[in-house]
Amino acid sequence: MTVVAKCGRRLAQYACADECTCHPNFVFLNCSQPGSNNIEVSCESPVMYAQRKNAERNRTSYQLQPTCPQHQQHGQCFVNLIRKMQCSFSWDWGPSFPSTGIW
């Protein structure tokens, strides 16, 4: 399997593999092989991603506040380290339903 692109953020940051040419709309050139080709998309849990980013940051820098929402909110911690809609991690008016997938 060859990785042709990676996205790190919701706001369209991506990196293409050296042997491929890709455009902003993820049109890949020079990547397909004769015969059958498959595209696989994998998504990481936003909660786990935020926890991992916090652990990485704690090794190199100071902790950013707030780390977790108030207890009454029943939200997720470290969401300030992820580029996603913050209200999906809970808000004063709604539950925590962090989404994952392709928009």
PDB file of N, CA and C in Angstrom:
ATOM      1  N   MET A   1       0.850  -1.174   0.000  1.00  0.00           N
ATOM      2  CA  MET A   1       0.000   0.000   0.000  1.00  0.00           C
ATOM      3  C   MET A   1       0.900   1.242   0.000  1.00  0.00           C
ATOM      4  N   THR A   2       0.525   2.217  -0.794  1.00  0.00           N
ATOM      5  CA  THR A   2       1.250   3.475  -0.889  1.00  0.00           C
ATOM      6  C   THR A   2       0.389   4.593  -0.333  1.00  0.00           C
ATOM      7  N   VAL A   3       0.920   5.357   0.588  1.00  0.00           N
ATOM      8  CA  VAL A   3       0.205   6.523   1.106  1.00  0.00           C
ATOM      9  C   VAL A   3       0.392   7.650   0.102  1.00  0.00           C
ATOM     10  N   VAL A   4      -0.725   8.175  -0.405  1.00  0.00           N
ATOM     11  CA  VAL A   4      -0.630   9.246  -1.399  1.00  0.00           C
ATOM     12  C   VAL A   4      -0.901  10.620  -0.816  1.00  0.00           C
ATOM     13  N   ALA A   5      -1.613  10.696   0.309  1.00  0.00           N
ATOM     14  CA  ALA A   5      -1.879  12.005   0.919  1.00  0.00           C
ATOM     15  C   ALA A   5      -2.273  11.827   2.371  1.00  0.00           C
ATOM     16  N   LYS A   6      -2.043  12.867   3.166  1.00  0.00           N
ATOM     17  CA  LYS A   6      -2.462  12.895   4.568  1.00  0.00           C
ATOM     18  C   LYS A   6      -3.078  14.248   4.857  1.00  0.00           C
ATOM     19  N   CYS A   7      -4.157  14.235   5.616  1.00  0.00           N
ATOM     20  CA  CYS A   7      -4.794  15.483   6.058  1.00  0.00           C
ATOM     21  C   CYS A   7      -4.598  15.588   7.556  1.00  0.00           C
ATOM     22  N   GLY A   8      -4.183  16.739   8.017  1.00  0.00           N
ATOM     23  CA  GLY A   8      -3.981  16.915   9.438  1.00  0.00           C
ATOM     24  C   GLY A   8      -5.025  17.781  10.102  1.00  0.00           C
ATOM     25  N   ARG A   9      -5.838  18.470   9.303  1.00  0.00           N
ATOM     26  CA  ARG A   9      -6.796  19.413   9.875  1.00  0.00           C
ATOM     27  C   ARG A   9      -8.076  19.446   9.069  1.00  0.00           C
ATOM     28  N   ARG A  10      -9.093  19.859   9.728  1.00  0.00           N
ATOM     29  CA  ARG A  10     -10.390  19.994   9.076  1.00  0.00           C
ATOM     30  C   ARG A  10     -10.346  21.049   7.974  1.00  0.00           C
ATOM     31  N   LEU A  11      -9.492  22.026   8.107  1.00  0.00           N
ATOM     32  CA  LEU A  11      -9.460  23.141   7.172  1.00  0.00           C
ATOM     33  C   LEU A  11      -8.482  22.900   6.023  1.00  0.00           C
ATOM     34  N   ALA A  12      -8.478  21.684   5.494  1.00  0.00           N
ATOM     35  CA  ALA A  12      -7.825  21.322   4.230  1.00  0.00           C
ATOM     36  C   ALA A  12      -6.313  21.447   4.191  1.00  0.00           C
ATOM     37  N   GLN A  13      -5.631  21.113   5.243  1.00  0.00           N
ATOM     38  CA  GLN A  13      -4.180  20.997   5.169  1.00  0.00           C
ATOM     39  C   GLN A  13      -3.881  19.560   4.772  1.00  0.00           C
ATOM     40  N   TYR A  14      -3.047  19.373   3.775  1.00  0.00           N
ATOM     41  CA  TYR A  14      -2.723  18.029   3.349  1.00  0.00           C
ATOM     42  C   TYR A  14      -1.303  17.996   2.812  1.00  0.00           C
ATOM     43  N   ALA A  15      -0.760  16.799   2.718  1.00  0.00           N
ATOM     44  CA  ALA A  15       0.576  16.608   2.161  1.00  0.00           C
ATOM     45  C   ALA A  15       0.520  15.433   1.202  1.00  0.00           C
ATOM     46  N   CYS A  16       1.121  15.572   0.033  1.00  0.00           N
ATOM     47  CA  CYS A  16       1.122  14.511  -0.973  1.00  0.00           C
ATOM     48  C   CYS A  16       2.425  13.730  -0.913  1.00  0.00           C
ATOM     49  N   ALA A  17       2.336  12.461  -1.277  1.00  0.00           N
ATOM     50  CA  ALA A  17       3.534  11.640  -1.383  1.00  0.00           C
ATOM     51  C   ALA A  17       4.396  12.157  -2.533  1.00  0.00           C
ATOM     52  N   ASP A  18       5.693  11.913  -2.469  1.00  0.00           N
ATOM     53  CA  ASP A  18       6.627  12.452  -3.457  1.00  0.00           C
ATOM     54  C   ASP A  18       6.332  12.011  -4.885  1.00  0.00           C
ATOM     55  N   GLU A  19       5.889  10.755  -5.056  1.00  0.00           N
ATOM     56  CA  GLU A  19       5.699  10.231  -6.403  1.00  0.00           C
ATOM     57  C   GLU A  19       4.362  10.640  -7.025  1.00  0.00           C
ATOM     58  N   CYS A  20       3.535  11.363  -6.292  1.00  0.00           N
ATOM     59  CA  CYS A  20       2.215  11.746  -6.777  1.00  0.00           C
ATOM     60  C   CYS A  20       2.125  13.259  -6.953  1.00  0.00           C
ATOM     61  N   THR A  21       1.193  13.652  -7.762  1.00  0.00           N
ATOM     62  CA  THR A  21       0.844  15.056  -7.894  1.00  0.00           C
ATOM     63  C   THR A  21      -0.608  15.178  -7.471  1.00  0.00           C
ATOM     64  N   CYS A  22      -0.898  15.982  -6.471  1.00  0.00           N
ATOM     65  CA  CYS A  22      -2.292  16.143  -6.068  1.00  0.00           C
ATOM     66  C   CYS A  22      -2.636  17.621  -6.035  1.00  0.00           C
ATOM     67  N   HIS A  23      -3.890  17.890  -6.213  1.00  0.00           N
ATOM     68  CA  HIS A  23      -4.405  19.246  -6.286  1.00  0.00           C
ATOM     69  C   HIS A  23      -5.318  19.495  -5.089  1.00  0.00           C
ATOM     70  N   PRO A  24      -5.701  20.741  -4.826  1.00  0.00           N
ATOM     71  CA  PRO A  24      -6.515  21.047  -3.647  1.00  0.00           C
ATOM     72  C   PRO A  24      -7.790  20.218  -3.502  1.00  0.00           C
ATOM     73  N   ASN A  25      -8.365  19.747  -4.587  1.00  0.00           N
ATOM     74  CA  ASN A  25      -9.578  18.926  -4.489  1.00  0.00           C
ATOM     75  C   ASN A  25      -9.260  17.440  -4.426  1.00  0.00           C
ATOM     76  N   PHE A  26      -8.050  17.088  -4.072  1.00  0.00           N
ATOM     77  CA  PHE A  26      -7.601  15.700  -3.979  1.00  0.00           C
ATOM     78  C   PHE A  26      -7.768  14.946  -5.286  1.00  0.00           C
ATOM     79  N   VAL A  27      -7.375  15.568  -6.388  1.00  0.00           N
ATOM     80  CA  VAL A  27      -7.270  14.876  -7.664  1.00  0.00           C
ATOM     81  C   VAL A  27      -5.827  14.397  -7.749  1.00  0.00           C
ATOM     82  N   PHE A  28      -5.637  13.086  -7.772  1.00  0.00           N
ATOM     83  CA  PHE A  28      -4.290  12.521  -7.755  1.00  0.00           C
ATOM     84  C   PHE A  28      -3.866  12.136  -9.163  1.00  0.00           C
ATOM     85  N   LEU A  29      -2.680  12.536  -9.544  1.00  0.00           N
ATOM     86  CA  LEU A  29      -2.110  12.176 -10.834  1.00  0.00           C
ATOM     87  C   LEU A  29      -0.848  11.367 -10.589  1.00  0.00           C
ATOM     88  N   ASN A  30      -0.548  10.451 -11.461  1.00  0.00           N
ATOM     89  CA  ASN A  30       0.670   9.635 -11.407  1.00  0.00           C
ATOM     90  C   ASN A  30       0.693   8.679 -10.221  1.00  0.00           C
ATOM     91  N   CYS A  31      -0.436   8.361  -9.629  1.00  0.00           N
ATOM     92  CA  CYS A  31      -0.458   7.476  -8.462  1.00  0.00           C
ATOM     93  C   CYS A  31      -1.075   6.117  -8.760  1.00  0.00           C
ATOM     94  N   SER A  32      -1.942   6.025  -9.736  1.00  0.00           N
ATOM     95  CA  SER A  32      -2.637   4.763  -9.986  1.00  0.00           C
ATOM     96  C   SER A  32      -1.733   3.789 -10.731  1.00  0.00           C
ATOM     97  N   GLN A  33      -2.004   2.514 -10.537  1.00  0.00           N
ATOM     98  CA  GLN A  33      -1.280   1.434 -11.181  1.00  0.00           C
ATOM     99  C   GLN A  33      -2.230   0.738 -12.155  1.00  0.00           C
ATOM    100  N   PRO A  34      -1.714   0.115 -13.209  1.00  0.00           N
ATOM    101  CA  PRO A  34      -2.591  -0.661 -14.095  1.00  0.00           C
ATOM    102  C   PRO A  34      -3.294  -1.759 -13.305  1.00  0.00           C
ATOM    103  N   GLY A  35      -4.552  -1.985 -13.596  1.00  0.00           N
ATOM    104  CA  GLY A  35      -5.320  -3.001 -12.886  1.00  0.00           C
ATOM    105  C   GLY A  35      -6.211  -2.370 -11.839  1.00  0.00           C
ATOM    106  N   SER A  36      -6.326  -3.037 -10.725  1.00  0.00           N
ATOM    107  CA  SER A  36      -7.229  -2.602  -9.655  1.00  0.00           C
ATOM    108  C   SER A  36      -6.519  -1.639  -8.705  1.00  0.00           C
ATOM    109  N   ASN A  37      -7.198  -0.550  -8.361  1.00  0.00           N
ATOM    110  CA  ASN A  37      -6.679   0.422  -7.399  1.00  0.00           C
ATOM    111  C   ASN A  37      -7.724   0.639  -6.312  1.00  0.00           C
ATOM    112  N   ASN A  38      -7.294   0.774  -5.098  1.00  0.00           N
ATOM    113  CA  ASN A  38      -8.187   1.010  -3.962  1.00  0.00           C
ATOM    114  C   ASN A  38      -7.784   2.290  -3.253  1.00  0.00           C
ATOM    115  N   ILE A  39      -8.769   2.959  -2.699  1.00  0.00           N
ATOM    116  CA  ILE A  39      -8.520   4.121  -1.854  1.00  0.00           C
ATOM    117  C   ILE A  39      -9.035   3.789  -0.468  1.00  0.00           C
ATOM    118  N   GLU A  40      -8.198   3.971   0.530  1.00  0.00           N
ATOM    119  CA  GLU A  40      -8.579   3.715   1.917  1.00  0.00           C
ATOM    120  C   GLU A  40      -8.486   5.018   2.691  1.00  0.00           C
ATOM    121  N   VAL A  41      -9.512   5.308   3.450  1.00  0.00           N
ATOM    122  CA  VAL A  41      -9.545   6.507   4.281  1.00  0.00           C
ATOM    123  C   VAL A  41      -9.604   6.055   5.735  1.00  0.00           C
ATOM    124  N   SER A  42      -8.694   6.536   6.557  1.00  0.00           N
ATOM    125  CA  SER A  42      -8.744   6.209   7.983  1.00  0.00           C
ATOM    126  C   SER A  42      -8.870   7.506   8.774  1.00  0.00           C
ATOM    127  N   CYS A  43      -9.672   7.452   9.819  1.00  0.00           N
ATOM    128  CA  CYS A  43      -9.927   8.621  10.662  1.00  0.00           C
ATOM    129  C   CYS A  43      -9.615   8.269  12.108  1.00  0.00           C
ATOM    130  N   GLU A  44      -8.982   9.184  12.803  1.00  0.00           N
ATOM    131  CA  GLU A  44      -8.657   8.998  14.214  1.00  0.00           C
ATOM    132  C   GLU A  44      -9.730   9.658  15.070  1.00  0.00           C
ATOM    133  N   SER A  45     -10.042   9.062  16.191  1.00  0.00           N
ATOM    134  CA  SER A  45     -10.989   9.653  17.131  1.00  0.00           C
ATOM    135  C   SER A  45     -10.500  11.040  17.526  1.00  0.00           C
ATOM    136  N   PRO A  46     -11.350  12.061  17.442  1.00  0.00           N
ATOM    137  CA  PRO A  46     -10.912  13.400  17.832  1.00  0.00           C
ATOM    138  C   PRO A  46     -10.558  13.500  19.315  1.00  0.00           C
ATOM    139  N   VAL A  47     -11.212  12.699  20.146  1.00  0.00           N
ATOM    140  CA  VAL A  47     -10.914  12.703  21.582  1.00  0.00           C
ATOM    141  C   VAL A  47      -9.516  12.126  21.819  1.00  0.00           C
ATOM    142  N   MET A  48      -9.211  11.010  21.153  1.00  0.00           N
ATOM    143  CA  MET A  48      -7.887  10.401  21.294  1.00  0.00           C
ATOM    144  C   MET A  48      -6.801  11.295  20.689  1.00  0.00           C
ATOM    145  N   TYR A  49      -7.108  11.939  19.580  1.00  0.00           N
ATOM    146  CA  TYR A  49      -6.160  12.860  18.949  1.00  0.00           C
ATOM    147  C   TYR A  49      -5.818  14.008  19.898  1.00  0.00           C
ATOM    148  N   ALA A  50      -6.829  14.591  20.519  1.00  0.00           N
ATOM    149  CA  ALA A  50      -6.606  15.703  21.449  1.00  0.00           C
ATOM    150  C   ALA A  50      -5.766  15.248  22.645  1.00  0.00           C
ATOM    151  N   GLN A  51      -6.022  14.052  23.150  1.00  0.00           N
ATOM    152  CA  GLN A  51      -5.234  13.531  24.268  1.00  0.00           C
ATOM    153  C   GLN A  51      -3.781  13.308  23.854  1.00  0.00           C
ATOM    154  N   ARG A  52      -3.583  12.770  22.655  1.00  0.00           N
ATOM    155  CA  ARG A  52      -2.222  12.542  22.156  1.00  0.00           C
ATOM    156  C   ARG A  52      -1.487  13.866  21.959  1.00  0.00           C
ATOM    157  N   LYS A  53      -2.157  14.860  21.392  1.00  0.00           N
ATOM    158  CA  LYS A  53      -1.535  16.171  21.200  1.00  0.00           C
ATOM    159  C   LYS A  53      -1.169  16.812  22.537  1.00  0.00           C
ATOM    160  N   ASN A  54      -2.007  16.625  23.551  1.00  0.00           N
ATOM    161  CA  ASN A  54      -1.702  17.156  24.877  1.00  0.00           C
ATOM    162  C   ASN A  54      -0.454  16.488  25.451  1.00  0.00           C
ATOM    163  N   ALA A  55      -0.364  15.165  25.314  1.00  0.00           N
ATOM    164  CA  ALA A  55       0.810  14.449  25.819  1.00  0.00           C
ATOM    165  C   ALA A  55       2.079  14.909  25.098  1.00  0.00           C
ATOM    166  N   GLU A  56       1.997  15.103  23.771  1.00  0.00           N
ATOM    167  CA  GLU A  56       3.148  15.591  23.008  1.00  0.00           C
ATOM    168  C   GLU A  56       3.540  16.998  23.460  1.00  0.00           C
ATOM    169  N   ARG A  57       2.565  17.838  23.658  1.00  0.00           N
ATOM    170  CA  ARG A  57       2.826  19.227  24.050  1.00  0.00           C
ATOM    171  C   ARG A  57       3.437  19.292  25.453  1.00  0.00           C
ATOM    172  N   ASN A  58       2.976  18.448  26.363  1.00  0.00           N
ATOM    173  CA  ASN A  58       3.497  18.460  27.731  1.00  0.00           C
ATOM    174  C   ASN A  58       4.973  18.087  27.786  1.00  0.00           C
ATOM    175  N   ARG A  59       5.450  17.332  26.801  1.00  0.00           N
ATOM    176  CA  ARG A  59       6.868  16.966  26.777  1.00  0.00           C
ATOM    177  C   ARG A  59       7.746  18.131  26.340  1.00  0.00           C
ATOM    178  N   THR A  60       7.180  19.087  25.610  1.00  0.00           N
ATOM    179  CA  THR A  60       8.007  20.139  25.025  1.00  0.00           C
ATOM    180  C   THR A  60       7.658  21.554  25.467  1.00  0.00           C
ATOM    181  N   SER A  61       6.516  21.745  26.108  1.00  0.00           N
ATOM    182  CA  SER A  61       6.069  23.106  26.374  1.00  0.00           C
ATOM    183  C   SER A  61       5.180  23.133  27.614  1.00  0.00           C
ATOM    184  N   TYR A  62       4.596  24.265  27.865  1.00  0.00           N
ATOM    185  CA  TYR A  62       3.684  24.429  28.985  1.00  0.00           C
ATOM    186  C   TYR A  62       2.267  24.006  28.577  1.00  0.00           C
ATOM    187  N   GLN A  63       1.433  23.787  29.571  1.00  0.00           N
ATOM    188  CA  GLN A  63       0.067  23.342  29.311  1.00  0.00           C
ATOM    189  C   GLN A  63      -0.829  24.531  28.975  1.00  0.00           C
ATOM    190  N   LEU A  64      -1.630  24.384  27.935  1.00  0.00           N
ATOM    191  CA  LEU A  64      -2.573  25.431  27.551  1.00  0.00           C
ATOM    192  C   LEU A  64      -3.868  25.283  28.338  1.00  0.00           C
ATOM    193  N   GLN A  65      -4.389  26.373  28.798  1.00  0.00           N
ATOM    194  CA  GLN A  65      -5.646  26.366  29.549  1.00  0.00           C
ATOM    195  C   GLN A  65      -6.788  26.798  28.637  1.00  0.00           C
ATOM    196  N   PRO A  66      -7.974  26.364  28.861  1.00  0.00           N
ATOM    197  CA  PRO A  66      -8.391  25.395  29.861  1.00  0.00           C
ATOM    198  C   PRO A  66      -8.103  23.975  29.383  1.00  0.00           C
ATOM    199  N   THR A  67      -7.746  23.101  30.304  1.00  0.00           N
ATOM    200  CA  THR A  67      -7.467  21.719  29.917  1.00  0.00           C
ATOM    201  C   THR A  67      -8.743  20.911  29.786  1.00  0.00           C
ATOM    202  N   CYS A  68      -9.687  21.129  30.679  1.00  0.00           N
ATOM    203  CA  CYS A  68     -10.953  20.392  30.654  1.00  0.00           C
ATOM    204  C   CYS A  68     -12.107  21.345  30.972  1.00  0.00           C
ATOM    205  N   PRO A  69     -13.298  21.043  30.465  1.00  0.00           N
ATOM    206  CA  PRO A  69     -14.450  21.884  30.798  1.00  0.00           C
ATOM    207  C   PRO A  69     -14.896  21.643  32.237  1.00  0.00           C
ATOM    208  N   GLN A  70     -15.787  22.473  32.709  1.00  0.00           N
ATOM    209  CA  GLN A  70     -16.328  22.276  34.053  1.00  0.00           C
ATOM    210  C   GLN A  70     -17.031  20.922  34.142  1.00  0.00           C
ATOM    211  N   HIS A  71     -17.019  20.339  35.335  1.00  0.00           N
ATOM    212  CA  HIS A  71     -17.591  19.010  35.548  1.00  0.00           C
ATOM    213  C   HIS A  71     -19.052  18.928  35.098  1.00  0.00           C
ATOM    214  N   GLN A  72     -19.831  19.961  35.355  1.00  0.00           N
ATOM    215  CA  GLN A  72     -21.251  19.956  35.013  1.00  0.00           C
ATOM    216  C   GLN A  72     -21.485  19.846  33.505  1.00  0.00           C
ATOM    217  N   GLN A  73     -20.501  20.197  32.737  1.00  0.00           N
ATOM    218  CA  GLN A  73     -20.635  20.202  31.282  1.00  0.00           C
ATOM    219  C   GLN A  73     -20.500  18.808  30.672  1.00  0.00           C
ATOM    220  N   HIS A  74     -19.858  17.873  31.371  1.00  0.00           N
ATOM    221  CA  HIS A  74     -19.647  16.502  30.888  1.00  0.00           C
ATOM    222  C   HIS A  74     -18.979  16.491  29.520  1.00  0.00           C
ATOM    223  N   GLY A  75     -17.990  17.344  29.325  1.00  0.00           N
ATOM    224  CA  GLY A  75     -17.324  17.472  28.029  1.00  0.00           C
ATOM    225  C   GLY A  75     -16.024  16.704  27.950  1.00  0.00           C
ATOM    226  N   GLN A  76     -15.272  16.977  26.900  1.00  0.00           N
ATOM    227  CA  GLN A  76     -13.994  16.322  26.643  1.00  0.00           C
ATOM    228  C   GLN A  76     -12.849  17.278  26.972  1.00  0.00           C
ATOM    229  N   CYS A  77     -11.721  16.710  27.329  1.00  0.00           N
ATOM    230  CA  CYS A  77     -10.548  17.512  27.676  1.00  0.00           C
ATOM    231  C   CYS A  77      -9.657  17.759  26.460  1.00  0.00           C
ATOM    232  N   PHE A  78      -8.888  18.832  26.532  1.00  0.00           N
ATOM    233  CA  PHE A  78      -7.836  19.196  25.581  1.00  0.00           C
ATOM    234  C   PHE A  78      -8.347  19.524  24.179  1.00  0.00           C
ATOM    235  N   VAL A  79      -9.613  19.881  24.044  1.00  0.00           N
ATOM    236  CA  VAL A  79     -10.164  20.157  22.711  1.00  0.00           C
ATOM    237  C   VAL A  79      -9.619  21.449  22.121  1.00  0.00           C
ATOM    238  N   ASN A  80      -8.965  22.272  22.924  1.00  0.00           N
ATOM    239  CA  ASN A  80      -8.341  23.480  22.386  1.00  0.00           C
ATOM    240  C   ASN A  80      -7.107  23.150  21.544  1.00  0.00           C
ATOM    241  N   LEU A  81      -6.707  21.887  21.503  1.00  0.00           N
ATOM    242  CA  LEU A  81      -5.553  21.471  20.707  1.00  0.00           C
ATOM    243  C   LEU A  81      -5.951  20.831  19.384  1.00  0.00           C
ATOM    244  N   ILE A  82      -7.222  20.880  19.037  1.00  0.00           N
ATOM    245  CA  ILE A  82      -7.700  20.253  17.812  1.00  0.00           C
ATOM    246  C   ILE A  82      -8.519  21.258  17.010  1.00  0.00           C
ATOM    247  N   ARG A  83      -8.374  21.234  15.690  1.00  0.00           N
ATOM    248  CA  ARG A  83      -9.097  22.152  14.813  1.00  0.00           C
ATOM    249  C   ARG A  83     -10.421  21.517  14.409  1.00  0.00           C
ATOM    250  N   LYS A  84     -11.371  21.580  15.288  1.00  0.00           N
ATOM    251  CA  LYS A  84     -12.723  21.079  15.029  1.00  0.00           C
ATOM    252  C   LYS A  84     -13.710  22.031  15.678  1.00  0.00           C
ATOM    253  N   MET A  85     -14.954  21.884  15.295  1.00  0.00           N
ATOM    254  CA  MET A  85     -16.022  22.693  15.874  1.00  0.00           C
ATOM    255  C   MET A  85     -16.085  22.412  17.381  1.00  0.00           C
ATOM    256  N   GLN A  86     -15.759  23.394  18.197  1.00  0.00           N
ATOM    257  CA  GLN A  86     -15.625  23.197  19.638  1.00  0.00           C
ATOM    258  C   GLN A  86     -16.918  22.764  20.309  1.00  0.00           C
ATOM    259  N   CYS A  87     -18.055  23.196  19.797  1.00  0.00           N
ATOM    260  CA  CYS A  87     -19.315  22.829  20.457  1.00  0.00           C
ATOM    261  C   CYS A  87     -19.622  21.342  20.322  1.00  0.00           C
ATOM    262  N   SER A  88     -18.958  20.608  19.411  1.00  0.00           N
ATOM    263  CA  SER A  88     -19.212  19.170  19.312  1.00  0.00           C
ATOM    264  C   SER A  88     -18.598  18.406  20.484  1.00  0.00           C
ATOM    265  N   PHE A  89     -17.746  19.058  21.264  1.00  0.00           N
ATOM    266  CA  PHE A  89     -17.137  18.433  22.438  1.00  0.00           C
ATOM    267  C   PHE A  89     -17.890  18.774  23.716  1.00  0.00           C
ATOM    268  N   SER A  90     -19.039  19.360  23.612  1.00  0.00           N
ATOM    269  CA  SER A  90     -19.969  19.776  24.663  1.00  0.00           C
ATOM    270  C   SER A  90     -19.917  21.283  24.810  1.00  0.00           C
ATOM    271  N   TRP A  91     -20.999  21.808  25.265  1.00  0.00           N
ATOM    272  CA  TRP A  91     -21.143  23.247  25.430  1.00  0.00           C
ATOM    273  C   TRP A  91     -22.106  23.432  26.591  1.00  0.00           C
ATOM    274  N   ASP A  92     -22.369  24.633  26.987  1.00  0.00           N
ATOM    275  CA  ASP A  92     -23.313  24.819  28.090  1.00  0.00           C
ATOM    276  C   ASP A  92     -24.732  24.459  27.674  1.00  0.00           C
ATOM    277  N   TRP A  93     -24.995  24.338  26.384  1.00  0.00           N
ATOM    278  CA  TRP A  93     -26.346  24.059  25.895  1.00  0.00           C
ATOM    279  C   TRP A  93     -26.482  22.704  25.217  1.00  0.00           C
ATOM    280  N   GLY A  94     -25.412  21.905  25.160  1.00  0.00           N
ATOM    281  CA  GLY A  94     -25.529  20.637  24.444  1.00  0.00           C
ATOM    282  C   GLY A  94     -24.554  19.580  24.911  1.00  0.00           C
ATOM    283  N   PRO A  95     -24.814  18.315  24.536  1.00  0.00           N
ATOM    284  CA  PRO A  95     -23.962  17.192  24.935  1.00  0.00           C
ATOM    285  C   PRO A  95     -22.689  17.110  24.094  1.00  0.00           C
ATOM    286  N   SER A  96     -21.811  16.199  24.465  1.00  0.00           N
ATOM    287  CA  SER A  96     -20.560  15.974  23.752  1.00  0.00           C
ATOM    288  C   SER A  96     -20.749  14.864  22.723  1.00  0.00           C
ATOM    289  N   PHE A  97     -20.738  15.226  21.449  1.00  0.00           N
ATOM    290  CA  PHE A  97     -20.814  14.276  20.339  1.00  0.00           C
ATOM    291  C   PHE A  97     -19.755  14.640  19.300  1.00  0.00           C
ATOM    292  N   PRO A  98     -18.464  14.440  19.619  1.00  0.00           N
ATOM    293  CA  PRO A  98     -17.435  14.807  18.647  1.00  0.00           C
ATOM    294  C   PRO A  98     -17.518  13.919  17.408  1.00  0.00           C
ATOM    295  N   SER A  99     -17.605  14.537  16.265  1.00  0.00           N
ATOM    296  CA  SER A  99     -17.775  13.798  15.015  1.00  0.00           C
ATOM    297  C   SER A  99     -16.423  13.422  14.413  1.00  0.00           C
ATOM    298  N   THR A 100     -16.459  12.397  13.583  1.00  0.00           N
ATOM    299  CA  THR A 100     -15.290  11.958  12.840  1.00  0.00           C
ATOM    300  C   THR A 100     -15.748  11.594  11.440  1.00  0.00           C
ATOM    301  N   GLY A 101     -14.999  11.996  10.448  1.00  0.00           N
ATOM    302  CA  GLY A 101     -15.345  11.604   9.088  1.00  0.00           C
ATOM    303  C   GLY A 101     -14.983  12.658   8.077  1.00  0.00           C
ATOM    304  N   ILE A 102     -15.503  12.473   6.889  1.00  0.00           N
ATOM    305  CA  ILE A 102     -15.223  13.371   5.774  1.00  0.00           C
ATOM    306  C   ILE A 102     -16.398  14.302   5.603  1.00  0.00           C
ATOM    307  N   TRP A 103     -16.130  15.585   5.532  1.00  0.00           N
ATOM    308  CA  TRP A 103     -17.204  16.573   5.360  1.00  0.00           C
ATOM    309  C   TRP A 103     -17.422  16.802   3.899  1.00  0.00           C
TER     310      TRP A 103
END
